[in-house]
Amino acid sequence: MIRAYTPADEGELIALLQLNIPRYFHPDEESDFVAYLLQFREDYFVMEENRRIIGAGGINYVAGQPEARISWDIIHPDFQGQGIGTQLMLHRINHIKQMPTIRRITVRTSQLVYPFYEKMGFVLERTEKDFWAKGFDLYQLKMTLD
């Protein structure tokens, strides 16, 4: 089940992020994630199985631009490679497509997971070494909506 985030989810989501440190996230990113949930979150969704959050991901919107940004995708390690990320991504793409002013979706990720976004139809725009932290490079991708 995919549903909208509620503040009651915060603790479970922080624990989910911690399960992905240091493989997919640098330890310093935890405080960034907390700030995102408290101050910068716009649309954020969680996926549950048996009342347990197994994945999450968000959407932010660029003011005055026809652009949405995919943000803070996190999948429980026990469920990676099982289609959870794909389901969350398709849910968000469909959500974005309901907004006729949005013409482009971007995502900023790392070298560790950018192939997932390419499989989803995103095209690599640029890279920057050690952007997020040492050893965590920026991979920025985009998708143009018809």
N, C-alpha and C. Protein backbone atom coordinates (compact mmCIF):
# COMPACT_ATOMS: atom_id res chain seq x y z
N MET A 1 0.84 -1.18 0.00
CA MET A 1 0.00 0.00 0.00
C MET A 1 0.88 1.25 0.00
N ILE A 2 0.61 2.16 -0.90
CA ILE A 2 1.29 3.45 -0.94
C ILE A 2 0.33 4.50 -0.42
N ARG A 3 0.82 5.32 0.51
CA ARG A 3 0.00 6.37 1.10
C ARG A 3 0.85 7.61 1.34
N ALA A 4 0.19 8.71 1.63
CA ALA A 4 0.90 9.96 1.94
C ALA A 4 1.57 9.85 3.30
N TYR A 5 2.72 10.48 3.41
CA TYR A 5 3.47 10.60 4.66
C TYR A 5 2.65 11.35 5.70
N THR A 6 2.79 10.94 6.96
CA THR A 6 2.27 11.71 8.09
C THR A 6 3.43 11.92 9.07
N PRO A 7 3.38 12.97 9.88
CA PRO A 7 4.46 13.20 10.86
C PRO A 7 4.71 12.00 11.79
N ALA A 8 3.72 11.17 12.00
CA ALA A 8 3.91 9.98 12.84
C ALA A 8 4.89 8.98 12.22
N ASP A 9 5.17 9.12 10.92
CA ASP A 9 6.09 8.22 10.21
C ASP A 9 7.56 8.59 10.42
N GLU A 10 7.83 9.77 10.97
CA GLU A 10 9.20 10.29 11.00
C GLU A 10 10.21 9.31 11.61
N GLY A 11 9.93 8.79 12.78
CA GLY A 11 10.87 7.89 13.45
C GLY A 11 11.18 6.65 12.64
N GLU A 12 10.15 6.06 12.06
CA GLU A 12 10.34 4.85 11.26
C GLU A 12 11.13 5.16 9.99
N LEU A 13 10.92 6.35 9.42
CA LEU A 13 11.67 6.72 8.22
C LEU A 13 13.14 7.00 8.53
N ILE A 14 13.42 7.60 9.67
CA ILE A 14 14.81 7.82 10.06
C ILE A 14 15.51 6.48 10.26
N ALA A 15 14.81 5.54 10.90
CA ALA A 15 15.37 4.19 11.07
C ALA A 15 15.61 3.52 9.72
N LEU A 16 14.71 3.73 8.77
CA LEU A 16 14.87 3.18 7.42
C LEU A 16 16.10 3.77 6.74
N LEU A 17 16.29 5.07 6.87
CA LEU A 17 17.49 5.70 6.32
C LEU A 17 18.74 5.11 6.96
N GLN A 18 18.73 4.95 8.27
CA GLN A 18 19.90 4.43 8.98
C GLN A 18 20.27 3.03 8.49
N LEU A 19 19.29 2.24 8.10
CA LEU A 19 19.57 0.91 7.55
C LEU A 19 20.32 0.99 6.22
N ASN A 20 20.25 2.13 5.56
CA ASN A 20 20.90 2.32 4.26
C ASN A 20 22.20 3.11 4.36
N ILE A 21 22.66 3.41 5.59
CA ILE A 21 23.94 4.07 5.84
C ILE A 21 24.93 2.99 6.24
N PRO A 22 26.11 2.92 5.70
CA PRO A 22 26.75 3.83 4.75
C PRO A 22 26.68 3.36 3.30
N ARG A 23 25.92 2.32 3.01
CA ARG A 23 25.93 1.80 1.64
C ARG A 23 25.39 2.80 0.62
N TYR A 24 24.24 3.43 0.91
CA TYR A 24 23.62 4.34 -0.06
C TYR A 24 23.60 5.79 0.38
N PHE A 25 23.77 6.04 1.65
CA PHE A 25 23.77 7.41 2.17
C PHE A 25 24.96 7.61 3.10
N HIS A 26 25.51 8.80 3.08
CA HIS A 26 26.58 9.16 4.00
C HIS A 26 25.95 9.46 5.37
N PRO A 27 26.63 9.16 6.48
CA PRO A 27 26.05 9.44 7.80
C PRO A 27 25.61 10.89 7.99
N ASP A 28 26.31 11.84 7.37
CA ASP A 28 25.94 13.25 7.51
C ASP A 28 24.59 13.58 6.88
N GLU A 29 24.09 12.71 6.02
CA GLU A 29 22.83 12.99 5.35
C GLU A 29 21.61 12.80 6.25
N GLU A 30 21.78 12.15 7.39
CA GLU A 30 20.64 11.94 8.28
C GLU A 30 20.04 13.27 8.73
N SER A 31 20.88 14.22 9.11
CA SER A 31 20.35 15.53 9.54
C SER A 31 19.68 16.26 8.38
N ASP A 32 20.19 16.07 7.15
CA ASP A 32 19.54 16.66 5.97
C ASP A 32 18.15 16.06 5.77
N PHE A 33 18.03 14.76 5.99
CA PHE A 33 16.75 14.09 5.82
C PHE A 33 15.73 14.57 6.86
N VAL A 34 16.18 14.71 8.10
CA VAL A 34 15.30 15.21 9.15
C VAL A 34 14.81 16.62 8.80
N ALA A 35 15.73 17.47 8.33
CA ALA A 35 15.34 18.84 7.93
C ALA A 35 14.36 18.79 6.76
N TYR A 36 14.59 17.88 5.82
CA TYR A 36 13.67 17.73 4.69
C TYR A 36 12.26 17.40 5.20
N LEU A 37 12.16 16.41 6.07
CA LEU A 37 10.85 16.00 6.56
C LEU A 37 10.14 17.13 7.31
N LEU A 38 10.90 17.91 8.05
CA LEU A 38 10.31 18.96 8.88
C LEU A 38 10.04 20.26 8.13
N GLN A 39 10.90 20.60 7.14
CA GLN A 39 10.81 21.93 6.53
C GLN A 39 10.65 21.95 5.02
N PHE A 40 11.15 20.95 4.32
CA PHE A 40 11.23 21.05 2.86
C PHE A 40 10.37 20.04 2.12
N ARG A 41 9.72 19.15 2.84
CA ARG A 41 8.88 18.12 2.23
C ARG A 41 7.67 18.79 1.58
N GLU A 42 7.36 18.35 0.37
CA GLU A 42 6.12 18.81 -0.27
C GLU A 42 5.19 17.60 -0.39
N ASP A 43 5.36 16.77 -1.41
CA ASP A 43 4.61 15.51 -1.48
C ASP A 43 5.58 14.38 -1.15
N TYR A 44 5.24 13.59 -0.15
CA TYR A 44 6.10 12.47 0.24
C TYR A 44 5.21 11.27 0.50
N PHE A 45 5.64 10.12 0.01
CA PHE A 45 4.83 8.91 0.07
C PHE A 45 5.61 7.79 0.74
N VAL A 46 4.88 6.93 1.43
CA VAL A 46 5.48 5.75 2.03
C VAL A 46 4.77 4.51 1.51
N MET A 47 5.52 3.43 1.44
CA MET A 47 4.95 2.14 1.06
C MET A 47 5.01 1.24 2.28
N GLU A 48 3.86 0.65 2.59
CA GLU A 48 3.77 -0.22 3.76
C GLU A 48 3.48 -1.65 3.34
N GLU A 49 3.98 -2.55 4.17
CA GLU A 49 3.62 -3.96 4.07
C GLU A 49 3.40 -4.43 5.51
N ASN A 50 2.26 -4.96 5.79
CA ASN A 50 1.91 -5.39 7.15
C ASN A 50 2.17 -4.28 8.18
N ARG A 51 1.75 -3.07 7.84
CA ARG A 51 1.86 -1.88 8.72
C ARG A 51 3.30 -1.48 9.03
N ARG A 52 4.22 -1.92 8.21
CA ARG A 52 5.64 -1.58 8.36
C ARG A 52 6.07 -0.82 7.11
N ILE A 53 6.75 0.29 7.29
CA ILE A 53 7.22 1.07 6.15
C ILE A 53 8.42 0.36 5.53
N ILE A 54 8.30 0.05 4.24
CA ILE A 54 9.39 -0.65 3.55
C ILE A 54 10.02 0.22 2.46
N GLY A 55 9.43 1.39 2.22
CA GLY A 55 9.99 2.29 1.22
C GLY A 55 9.33 3.65 1.31
N ALA A 56 10.03 4.64 0.76
CA ALA A 56 9.49 5.99 0.78
C ALA A 56 10.16 6.81 -0.32
N GLY A 57 9.48 7.87 -0.74
CA GLY A 57 10.05 8.77 -1.73
C GLY A 57 9.16 9.98 -1.92
N GLY A 58 9.80 11.08 -2.29
CA GLY A 58 9.07 12.33 -2.38
C GLY A 58 9.13 13.02 -3.72
N ILE A 59 8.40 14.13 -3.76
CA ILE A 59 8.37 15.03 -4.91
C ILE A 59 8.45 16.45 -4.36
N ASN A 60 9.31 17.25 -4.96
CA ASN A 60 9.34 18.68 -4.69
C ASN A 60 9.12 19.40 -6.01
N TYR A 61 8.69 20.65 -5.92
CA TYR A 61 8.34 21.41 -7.12
C TYR A 61 9.20 22.67 -7.17
N VAL A 62 9.64 23.00 -8.38
CA VAL A 62 10.50 24.17 -8.57
C VAL A 62 9.58 25.36 -8.83
N ALA A 63 9.60 26.33 -7.91
CA ALA A 63 8.72 27.49 -8.01
C ALA A 63 8.93 28.22 -9.33
N GLY A 64 7.83 28.48 -10.02
CA GLY A 64 7.88 29.23 -11.26
C GLY A 64 8.43 28.46 -12.45
N GLN A 65 8.67 27.17 -12.27
CA GLN A 65 9.21 26.33 -13.35
C GLN A 65 8.28 25.14 -13.59
N PRO A 66 8.29 24.60 -14.79
CA PRO A 66 7.46 23.43 -15.08
C PRO A 66 8.16 22.13 -14.68
N GLU A 67 8.76 22.12 -13.47
CA GLU A 67 9.63 21.01 -13.07
C GLU A 67 9.25 20.46 -11.70
N ALA A 68 9.27 19.13 -11.61
CA ALA A 68 9.14 18.42 -10.34
C ALA A 68 10.45 17.67 -10.11
N ARG A 69 10.82 17.54 -8.84
CA ARG A 69 12.05 16.83 -8.49
C ARG A 69 11.73 15.64 -7.59
N ILE A 70 12.26 14.51 -7.96
CA ILE A 70 12.15 13.31 -7.14
C ILE A 70 13.12 13.47 -5.97
N SER A 71 12.66 13.15 -4.75
CA SER A 71 13.51 13.39 -3.58
C SER A 71 13.44 12.25 -2.56
N TRP A 72 14.58 11.97 -1.98
CA TRP A 72 14.73 11.07 -0.83
C TRP A 72 14.05 9.71 -1.01
N ASP A 73 14.48 9.00 -2.03
CA ASP A 73 14.03 7.61 -2.21
C ASP A 73 14.80 6.72 -1.24
N ILE A 74 14.08 5.95 -0.47
CA ILE A 74 14.71 5.04 0.50
C ILE A 74 13.91 3.74 0.50
N ILE A 75 14.62 2.63 0.32
CA ILE A 75 13.97 1.31 0.33
C ILE A 75 14.65 0.46 1.41
N HIS A 76 13.85 -0.25 2.19
CA HIS A 76 14.40 -1.15 3.21
C HIS A 76 15.32 -2.16 2.53
N PRO A 77 16.51 -2.41 3.08
CA PRO A 77 17.45 -3.35 2.45
C PRO A 77 16.86 -4.73 2.18
N ASP A 78 15.97 -5.21 3.03
CA ASP A 78 15.37 -6.53 2.83
C ASP A 78 14.43 -6.57 1.63
N PHE A 79 14.03 -5.41 1.12
CA PHE A 79 13.07 -5.34 0.03
C PHE A 79 13.65 -4.77 -1.26
N GLN A 80 14.94 -4.45 -1.25
CA GLN A 80 15.56 -3.91 -2.46
C GLN A 80 15.61 -4.98 -3.54
N GLY A 81 15.40 -4.55 -4.78
CA GLY A 81 15.41 -5.48 -5.90
C GLY A 81 14.12 -6.25 -6.08
N GLN A 82 13.06 -5.85 -5.37
CA GLN A 82 11.78 -6.56 -5.45
C GLN A 82 10.68 -5.72 -6.08
N GLY A 83 11.04 -4.59 -6.68
CA GLY A 83 10.04 -3.78 -7.37
C GLY A 83 9.41 -2.68 -6.53
N ILE A 84 9.82 -2.54 -5.27
CA ILE A 84 9.24 -1.51 -4.40
C ILE A 84 9.58 -0.12 -4.95
N GLY A 85 10.85 0.09 -5.30
CA GLY A 85 11.26 1.38 -5.86
C GLY A 85 10.52 1.70 -7.14
N THR A 86 10.34 0.71 -7.98
CA THR A 86 9.61 0.91 -9.23
C THR A 86 8.16 1.32 -8.96
N GLN A 87 7.51 0.63 -8.02
CA GLN A 87 6.12 0.99 -7.69
C GLN A 87 6.01 2.41 -7.15
N LEU A 88 6.94 2.78 -6.27
CA LEU A 88 6.93 4.14 -5.73
C LEU A 88 7.19 5.18 -6.81
N MET A 89 8.11 4.87 -7.72
CA MET A 89 8.42 5.81 -8.79
C MET A 89 7.23 5.97 -9.73
N LEU A 90 6.61 4.88 -10.13
CA LEU A 90 5.45 4.97 -11.01
C LEU A 90 4.30 5.72 -10.33
N HIS A 91 4.13 5.51 -9.04
CA HIS A 91 3.10 6.24 -8.29
C HIS A 91 3.36 7.75 -8.37
N ARG A 92 4.62 8.15 -8.19
CA ARG A 92 4.95 9.58 -8.22
C ARG A 92 4.87 10.15 -9.63
N ILE A 93 5.30 9.40 -10.62
CA ILE A 93 5.19 9.88 -12.00
C ILE A 93 3.72 10.11 -12.34
N ASN A 94 2.86 9.17 -11.98
CA ASN A 94 1.42 9.34 -12.23
C ASN A 94 0.86 10.52 -11.46
N HIS A 95 1.32 10.73 -10.24
CA HIS A 95 0.89 11.89 -9.44
C HIS A 95 1.30 13.19 -10.14
N ILE A 96 2.52 13.23 -10.62
CA ILE A 96 3.03 14.43 -11.31
C ILE A 96 2.27 14.67 -12.61
N LYS A 97 1.95 13.62 -13.33
CA LYS A 97 1.24 13.76 -14.60
C LYS A 97 -0.15 14.36 -14.43
N GLN A 98 -0.68 14.35 -13.22
CA GLN A 98 -1.99 14.98 -12.96
C GLN A 98 -1.89 16.50 -12.93
N MET A 99 -0.67 17.02 -12.95
CA MET A 99 -0.42 18.47 -12.90
C MET A 99 0.00 18.92 -14.29
N PRO A 100 -0.91 19.51 -15.06
CA PRO A 100 -0.61 19.82 -16.46
C PRO A 100 0.51 20.84 -16.66
N THR A 101 0.88 21.58 -15.64
CA THR A 101 1.94 22.58 -15.81
C THR A 101 3.34 21.97 -15.69
N ILE A 102 3.44 20.74 -15.18
CA ILE A 102 4.75 20.10 -15.02
C ILE A 102 5.11 19.41 -16.33
N ARG A 103 6.27 19.76 -16.87
CA ARG A 103 6.73 19.21 -18.15
C ARG A 103 8.00 18.38 -18.02
N ARG A 104 8.64 18.46 -16.84
CA ARG A 104 9.93 17.79 -16.67
C ARG A 104 10.05 17.29 -15.23
N ILE A 105 10.67 16.11 -15.11
CA ILE A 105 10.97 15.55 -13.79
C ILE A 105 12.48 15.38 -13.71
N THR A 106 13.08 15.85 -12.63
CA THR A 106 14.51 15.65 -12.42
C THR A 106 14.73 14.85 -11.15
N VAL A 107 15.90 14.23 -11.09
CA VAL A 107 16.31 13.52 -9.88
C VAL A 107 17.81 13.71 -9.73
N ARG A 108 18.22 13.96 -8.49
CA ARG A 108 19.64 14.04 -8.16
C ARG A 108 19.93 12.87 -7.23
N THR A 109 20.84 12.01 -7.64
CA THR A 109 21.14 10.80 -6.90
C THR A 109 22.65 10.58 -6.91
N SER A 110 23.06 9.37 -6.59
CA SER A 110 24.49 9.05 -6.58
C SER A 110 24.80 8.01 -7.66
N GLN A 111 26.09 7.74 -7.79
CA GLN A 111 26.55 6.74 -8.75
C GLN A 111 26.05 5.35 -8.37
N LEU A 112 25.60 5.18 -7.16
CA LEU A 112 25.19 3.86 -6.68
C LEU A 112 23.85 3.42 -7.22
N VAL A 113 22.95 4.37 -7.51
CA VAL A 113 21.60 3.98 -7.92
C VAL A 113 21.12 4.65 -9.20
N TYR A 114 21.95 5.46 -9.84
CA TYR A 114 21.46 6.13 -11.05
C TYR A 114 20.99 5.15 -12.12
N PRO A 115 21.57 3.91 -12.24
CA PRO A 115 21.04 3.00 -13.27
C PRO A 115 19.55 2.68 -13.09
N PHE A 116 19.08 2.67 -11.84
CA PHE A 116 17.65 2.45 -11.60
C PHE A 116 16.82 3.52 -12.31
N TYR A 117 17.23 4.77 -12.17
CA TYR A 117 16.47 5.87 -12.78
C TYR A 117 16.57 5.81 -14.31
N GLU A 118 17.70 5.39 -14.83
CA GLU A 118 17.80 5.22 -16.28
C GLU A 118 16.82 4.16 -16.76
N LYS A 119 16.68 3.07 -16.02
CA LYS A 119 15.71 2.03 -16.38
C LYS A 119 14.28 2.56 -16.36
N MET A 120 14.04 3.57 -15.52
CA MET A 120 12.71 4.17 -15.41
C MET A 120 12.46 5.21 -16.52
N GLY A 121 13.47 5.47 -17.35
CA GLY A 121 13.29 6.41 -18.46
C GLY A 121 13.97 7.75 -18.28
N PHE A 122 14.70 7.93 -17.20
CA PHE A 122 15.44 9.18 -16.99
C PHE A 122 16.73 9.15 -17.80
N VAL A 123 17.19 10.34 -18.21
CA VAL A 123 18.40 10.49 -19.01
C VAL A 123 19.42 11.28 -18.20
N LEU A 124 20.64 10.79 -18.16
CA LEU A 124 21.71 11.45 -17.40
C LEU A 124 22.03 12.80 -18.01
N GLU A 125 22.04 13.85 -17.15
CA GLU A 125 22.37 15.22 -17.57
C GLU A 125 23.79 15.61 -17.19
N ARG A 126 24.16 15.30 -15.94
CA ARG A 126 25.50 15.70 -15.49
C ARG A 126 25.90 14.90 -14.27
N THR A 127 27.21 14.92 -13.99
CA THR A 127 27.77 14.29 -12.80
C THR A 127 28.72 15.27 -12.12
N GLU A 128 28.93 15.05 -10.84
CA GLU A 128 29.90 15.85 -10.09
C GLU A 128 30.47 14.98 -8.97
N LYS A 129 31.78 14.80 -8.98
CA LYS A 129 32.46 13.93 -8.02
C LYS A 129 32.35 14.48 -6.60
N ASP A 130 32.15 13.58 -5.64
CA ASP A 130 32.12 13.89 -4.21
C ASP A 130 31.13 15.02 -3.87
N PHE A 131 30.01 15.06 -4.55
CA PHE A 131 29.02 16.13 -4.34
C PHE A 131 28.33 16.00 -2.98
N TRP A 132 27.80 14.82 -2.68
CA TRP A 132 27.04 14.61 -1.45
C TRP A 132 27.99 14.49 -0.25
N ALA A 133 29.09 13.78 -0.46
CA ALA A 133 30.14 13.57 0.54
C ALA A 133 31.26 12.82 -0.20
N LYS A 134 32.40 12.68 0.43
CA LYS A 134 33.50 11.97 -0.22
C LYS A 134 33.05 10.55 -0.58
N GLY A 135 33.18 10.22 -1.86
CA GLY A 135 32.77 8.92 -2.34
C GLY A 135 31.31 8.83 -2.77
N PHE A 136 30.57 9.92 -2.64
CA PHE A 136 29.17 9.96 -3.04
C PHE A 136 29.00 11.05 -4.10
N ASP A 137 29.05 10.63 -5.36
CA ASP A 137 29.01 11.56 -6.50
C ASP A 137 27.57 11.93 -6.86
N LEU A 138 27.41 13.12 -7.43
CA LEU A 138 26.11 13.55 -7.94
C LEU A 138 25.90 12.98 -9.34
N TYR A 139 24.74 12.41 -9.56
CA TYR A 139 24.27 12.02 -10.88
C TYR A 139 22.90 12.66 -11.02
N GLN A 140 22.80 13.63 -11.92
CA GLN A 140 21.53 14.33 -12.15
C GLN A 140 20.92 13.81 -13.44
N LEU A 141 19.66 13.41 -13.35
CA LEU A 141 18.96 12.86 -14.50
C LEU A 141 17.64 13.60 -14.69
N LYS A 142 17.09 13.51 -15.91
CA LYS A 142 15.82 14.16 -16.19
C LYS A 142 14.94 13.27 -17.04
N MET A 143 13.65 13.56 -16.97
CA MET A 143 12.63 12.91 -17.80
C MET A 143 11.72 14.01 -18.30
N THR A 144 11.49 14.03 -19.60
CA THR A 144 10.57 15.00 -20.19
C THR A 144 9.21 14.34 -20.34
N LEU A 145 8.18 15.02 -19.90
CA LEU A 145 6.82 14.49 -19.99
C LEU A 145 6.18 14.94 -21.29
N ASP A 146 5.40 14.06 -21.89
CA ASP A 146 4.69 14.39 -23.15
C ASP A 146 3.42 15.15 -22.86
